[in-house]
Protein backbone atom coordinates (compact mmCIF):
# COMPACT_ATOMS: atom_id res chain seq x y z
CA MET A 1 -0.17 0.21 0.05
CA SER A 2 1.47 3.70 -1.06
CA THR A 3 2.33 5.35 2.09
CA GLU A 4 0.70 8.37 0.10
CA THR A 5 -2.98 6.34 0.45
CA LYS A 6 -5.72 8.24 2.86
CA LEU A 7 -8.28 6.48 4.27
CA GLU A 8 -11.58 8.69 3.93
CA ARG A 9 -13.25 8.99 7.11
CA PRO A 10 -16.92 7.34 6.93
CA GLN A 11 -19.84 9.86 7.43
CA SER A 12 -21.05 9.92 11.30
CA LEU A 13 -24.93 8.48 11.44
CA THR A 14 -26.06 12.06 12.13
CA THR A 15 -24.66 13.59 8.75
CA THR A 16 -25.95 10.46 6.98
CA ALA A 17 -29.38 10.93 8.46
CA LYS A 18 -29.02 14.40 7.60
CA THR A 19 -28.38 13.50 3.76
CA HIS A 20 -31.37 11.28 3.55
CA ILE A 21 -33.95 13.73 5.14
CA ARG A 22 -32.76 16.59 3.35
CA GLU A 23 -33.14 14.30 0.11
CA ALA A 24 -36.24 13.40 0.77
CA ILE A 25 -37.75 16.82 1.68
CA VAL A 26 -36.15 18.28 -1.68
CA ALA A 27 -37.67 15.53 -3.76
CA GLY A 28 -41.12 16.04 -2.33
CA GLU A 29 -41.30 12.85 -0.68
CA PHE A 30 -42.25 14.83 2.54
CA SER A 31 -44.98 17.53 2.23
CA PHE A 32 -44.46 20.75 2.93
CA GLY A 33 -46.09 21.39 6.32
CA SER A 34 -46.25 17.30 7.16
CA GLN A 35 -45.05 16.05 10.52
CA LEU A 36 -41.80 14.12 10.71
CA SER A 37 -41.46 11.32 13.50
CA GLU A 38 -38.16 10.07 14.73
CA SER A 39 -39.23 6.88 15.24
CA VAL A 40 -40.28 6.46 12.19
CA LEU A 41 -36.90 8.10 10.59
CA ALA A 42 -34.73 5.70 12.44
CA ASN A 43 -36.63 2.95 11.61
CA ARG A 44 -36.87 3.86 7.95
CA LEU A 45 -32.77 4.49 8.09
CA GLY A 46 -31.82 1.29 10.52
CA VAL A 47 -30.18 3.83 13.05
CA SER A 48 -31.24 4.89 16.77
CA LYS A 49 -33.59 8.05 17.34
CA THR A 50 -30.23 10.27 18.75
CA PRO A 51 -28.71 10.74 15.30
CA VAL A 52 -32.35 11.54 13.82
CA ARG A 53 -32.76 13.91 16.41
CA GLU A 54 -29.51 15.58 15.66
CA ALA A 55 -29.88 15.66 12.09
CA LEU A 56 -33.48 17.37 12.11
CA LEU A 57 -31.86 19.87 14.77
CA GLN A 58 -29.20 20.78 11.98
CA LEU A 59 -32.14 20.60 9.35
CA LYS A 60 -34.03 23.64 11.75
CA HIS A 61 -31.05 26.09 11.68
CA GLU A 62 -31.20 25.53 7.54
CA GLY A 63 -34.82 26.34 7.51
CA LEU A 64 -35.68 22.79 6.21
CA VAL A 65 -37.80 21.73 9.23
CA ASP A 66 -39.58 23.43 11.81
CA VAL A 67 -39.32 22.36 15.61
CA GLN A 68 -42.30 23.07 17.41
CA PRO A 69 -42.21 22.15 21.04
CA GLN A 70 -44.68 20.02 22.62
CA SER A 71 -46.03 19.70 19.07
CA GLY A 72 -43.29 17.90 17.25
CA THR A 73 -41.06 18.47 14.01
CA PHE A 74 -42.14 19.53 10.69
CA VAL A 75 -41.18 20.18 7.22
CA PHE A 76 -40.79 23.55 6.22
CA GLN A 77 -44.22 25.21 4.60
CA PRO A 78 -43.03 28.46 3.25
CA THR A 79 -46.18 31.24 2.58
CA ASP A 80 -46.71 32.98 -0.46
CA ASP A 81 -44.37 35.91 0.64
CA GLN A 82 -41.64 34.02 2.02
CA VAL A 83 -41.69 32.36 -1.77
CA ARG A 84 -41.30 35.91 -3.08
CA GLU A 85 -38.58 36.58 -0.68
CA ILE A 86 -36.38 33.60 -1.57
CA CYS A 87 -36.74 34.81 -5.31
CA ARG A 88 -36.02 38.33 -4.95
CA PHE A 89 -33.05 37.13 -2.84
CA ARG A 90 -32.14 34.92 -5.59
CA GLU A 91 -32.51 37.23 -8.15
CA VAL A 92 -29.87 39.64 -6.30
CA ILE A 93 -27.36 36.88 -5.83
CA GLU A 94 -27.28 35.32 -9.29
CA THR A 95 -27.00 38.57 -11.26
CA ALA A 96 -24.40 39.58 -9.18
CA ALA A 97 -22.57 36.18 -9.69
CA LEU A 98 -22.94 36.59 -13.31
CA ARG A 99 -21.37 39.56 -13.49
CA PHE A 100 -18.41 38.13 -11.51
CA ALA A 101 -18.35 34.97 -13.59
CA VAL A 102 -18.12 37.09 -16.74
CA LEU A 103 -15.07 39.49 -15.43
CA ARG A 104 -13.19 36.51 -14.08
CA ASP A 105 -13.37 34.02 -17.26
CA SER A 106 -16.38 34.77 -19.74
CA ALA A 107 -15.12 31.84 -21.94
CA ALA A 108 -15.19 29.40 -19.26
CA LEU A 109 -18.43 30.28 -17.74
CA VAL A 110 -19.74 30.30 -21.46
CA ARG A 111 -18.61 26.33 -21.59
CA ARG A 112 -20.08 25.52 -18.35
CA LEU A 113 -23.84 26.75 -18.79
CA GLU A 114 -23.41 25.09 -22.51
CA GLU A 115 -22.76 22.16 -20.95
CA THR A 116 -25.89 22.24 -18.96
CA LEU A 117 -28.01 22.97 -22.26
CA THR A 118 -26.38 19.74 -23.75
CA ALA A 119 -27.24 17.76 -21.04
CA ASP A 120 -30.87 19.35 -20.89
CA ASP A 121 -31.38 18.32 -24.55
CA GLU A 122 -30.40 14.68 -23.93
CA VAL A 123 -33.02 14.40 -21.16
CA GLY A 124 -36.02 15.92 -23.53
CA ALA A 125 -34.75 13.61 -26.38
CA ALA A 126 -35.17 10.40 -23.53
CA GLY A 127 -38.74 11.81 -22.96
CA GLY A 128 -40.82 13.85 -20.56
CA SER A 129 -40.31 17.49 -19.47
CA ALA A 130 -37.60 19.00 -17.47
CA ALA A 131 -40.11 19.50 -14.56
CA GLU A 132 -41.13 15.64 -14.92
CA ASN A 133 -37.79 14.12 -14.40
CA ALA A 134 -36.75 16.45 -11.74
CA ALA A 135 -39.73 15.27 -9.59
CA THR A 136 -37.84 11.84 -10.19
CA HIS A 137 -34.81 12.61 -10.07
CA PRO A 138 -33.93 16.26 -8.40
CA GLN A 139 -30.15 15.86 -8.49
CA ASN A 140 -30.07 15.80 -12.38
CA HIS A 141 -32.28 18.74 -12.50
CA HIS A 142 -30.74 21.19 -14.88
CA ASP A 143 -32.31 24.00 -14.19
CA ALA A 144 -30.47 23.73 -10.84
CA ALA A 145 -27.53 22.92 -12.87
CA PHE A 146 -27.31 26.12 -14.97
CA HIS A 147 -28.03 28.87 -12.44
CA GLY A 148 -25.61 26.50 -10.04
CA ALA A 149 -22.88 27.21 -12.89
CA ILE A 150 -23.34 30.71 -12.58
CA LEU A 151 -22.26 30.43 -9.06
CA ASP A 152 -19.51 28.53 -9.29
CA CYS A 153 -18.19 30.03 -11.47
CA SER A 154 -18.15 33.77 -10.13
CA GLY A 155 -15.65 32.25 -7.82
CA ASN A 156 -16.90 34.33 -5.00
CA PRO A 157 -17.26 32.41 -1.78
CA TYR A 158 -19.32 34.53 0.04
CA LEU A 159 -22.24 34.53 -3.14
CA GLN A 160 -22.02 30.99 -2.91
CA ALA A 161 -22.35 30.77 1.06
CA SER A 162 -25.33 33.00 0.31
CA TYR A 163 -26.74 30.95 -2.23
CA ARG A 164 -26.42 28.10 -0.22
CA LEU A 165 -29.14 29.59 2.18
CA ILE A 166 -31.69 28.88 -0.20
CA SER A 167 -30.74 26.50 -2.57
CA ASP A 168 -32.33 23.32 -0.79
CA LYS A 169 -35.81 25.27 -0.30
CA ILE A 170 -35.19 26.64 -4.60
CA ASN A 171 -34.91 22.79 -5.15
CA ALA A 172 -37.50 21.50 -3.08
CA LEU A 173 -40.28 24.18 -4.99
CA ARG A 174 -38.76 22.86 -8.31
CA SER A 175 -39.39 19.42 -7.28
CA ARG A 176 -43.21 20.10 -6.73
CA LEU A 177 -43.74 22.26 -10.09
CA ASP A 178 -46.72 21.09 -12.04
CA LYS A 179 -45.54 19.37 -15.33
CA ASP A 180 -48.06 21.42 -17.00
CA ASP A 181 -46.39 24.69 -16.18
CA THR A 182 -46.09 26.79 -19.42
CA LYS A 183 -43.35 29.05 -17.51
CA THR A 184 -41.02 26.00 -16.81
CA ASP A 185 -41.33 24.40 -20.15
CA LEU A 186 -39.67 27.98 -21.38
CA CYS A 187 -36.40 27.56 -19.24
CA HIS A 188 -34.43 25.84 -21.78
CA GLN A 189 -35.29 28.40 -24.24
CA THR A 190 -34.40 31.52 -21.72
CA HIS A 191 -31.18 29.72 -20.84
CA SER A 192 -29.98 29.59 -24.32
CA THR A 193 -30.93 33.18 -24.74
CA ILE A 194 -28.73 33.89 -21.88
CA VAL A 195 -25.95 32.22 -23.13
CA ALA A 196 -25.98 33.63 -26.50
CA LEU A 197 -25.97 37.05 -24.88
CA ILE A 198 -22.71 36.35 -22.46
CA ARG A 199 -21.26 35.06 -25.72
CA GLY A 200 -22.10 38.15 -27.90
CA GLY A 201 -20.33 40.14 -24.67
CA ASP A 202 -23.96 41.85 -24.00
CA ILE A 203 -23.85 41.11 -20.29
CA ALA A 204 -26.28 43.89 -19.36
CA GLU A 205 -28.80 42.50 -21.25
CA ALA A 206 -27.88 38.72 -20.22
CA SER A 207 -28.42 40.15 -16.77
CA LYS A 208 -31.31 41.56 -17.27
CA GLU A 209 -32.77 38.49 -18.96
CA LEU A 210 -31.64 36.38 -16.05
CA SER A 211 -33.78 38.87 -13.70
CA ILE A 212 -36.37 38.42 -15.87
CA HIS A 213 -36.72 34.82 -15.79
CA ILE A 214 -36.34 34.60 -12.15
CA ARG A 215 -39.07 36.84 -11.62
CA SER A 216 -41.02 34.75 -14.13
CA THR A 217 -40.64 31.52 -12.37
CA GLU A 218 -41.90 33.32 -8.92
CA GLU A 219 -45.69 33.08 -9.50
CA SER A 220 -44.67 29.26 -10.78
CA TYR A 221 -43.11 28.37 -7.18
CA ILE A 222 -45.89 29.90 -5.59
CA ARG A 223 -48.50 27.83 -7.08
CA ALA A 224 -45.93 24.70 -6.62
CA SER A 225 -46.33 25.66 -2.59
CA GLN A 226 -49.60 26.54 -2.52
CA CYS A 227 -50.39 22.88 -4.37
CA ALA A 228 -48.55 21.32 -1.61
CA ARG A 229 -49.62 22.98 1.14
CA GLY A 230 -53.03 21.59 0.43
CA ASP A 231 -51.86 18.21 0.01
CA ALA A 232 -50.55 18.30 3.04
CA ALA A 233 -53.60 19.67 5.00
CA SER A 234 -55.72 16.90 3.00
CA HIS A 235 -53.40 14.64 4.54
CA ILE A 236 -53.72 15.73 8.12
CA VAL A 237 -57.10 15.62 7.70
CA ARG A 238 -57.22 12.01 6.38
CA GLN A 239 -55.12 11.05 9.24
CA ARG A 240 -57.42 12.72 11.95
CA ARG A 241 -60.42 11.14 10.47
CA ALA A 242 -58.86 7.69 10.42
CA GLY A 243 -57.62 8.01 14.15
CA ALA A 244 -61.42 9.04 15.18
CA SER A 245 -62.58 6.11 13.51
CA THR A 246 -60.30 3.75 15.14
CA ASP A 247 -61.20 5.32 18.19
CA ARG A 248 -64.89 4.54 17.59
CA ARG A 249 -64.29 0.88 17.20
CA ALA A 250 -62.15 0.13 20.39
CA PRO A 251 -63.79 -1.70 22.71
C-alpha cells in the first residue's frame, strides 16, 4: 500500500441521516408542513433516534424543518410572501454572480452553461418534461445545474455561501412544480438566450434576461407551494379521520 494512501473517514450517522432526510424533503417525498416522526425515520434509516434527532436540529438551523415544542417536528412550509422573498434574494445573488463570472472568465462561464444545455437536450430526447424528470431525479435537475454553474464560475465564496441559504428551498419548490406549467417549459429556451447574450458580450442584457427569468418563475413556485400545502392539509385531515374512526371502533 502506498504511503500516500489516505483512508476516507466514514460519515457519522447524524450526517447520513441528515443527507437522507434533506433529499426526501427536497424531492417532495415529505410534503410541506408534514410531521416528521423520529421513530419512523429511525426505523427507515436503520439507526437509533439520537442521530435522527440531531439531524433534524441541524436541518432546523438550515430552515428545512420547523421544531415546535410540545407539538413535534414538521417540514418547512413557505408562505407566498416567503417564496417571493426567496426569489428576490435569488435574483440579487445570481445577477451579481453572473457579473463576477464574466469578469473572471467569460469563456469558461459559457462552456459551463453550454454543458448544462447539452445535458438538458439529452433529457428532453429521453422523453418527459424537465419538471417531470426533476421530480424523479432532483439531483439531475438541469435548471438547478444551469443556475448553479453561474454561482460556481463567479469564484466568490461569499456569494456562493449566501446562495446555499436558499438552494435547498429552491430545489424543493422546483421538485413540486406542475409538469404542465408553461413557464417551466420555457426554461431551456431562456437559458439558451442568456448564453447567447454572454457569448456576444452583451452582459447588461444577459443580466436583465436572467432577472426576468427568475421573476417569471416566481408565480410558478408560489403555485407549487400552494398545491403542496393543500396536499399536506388533506393528508392531516385524512389522518385525523382515520384516528377518530379507530377510536370509535375500540372496545
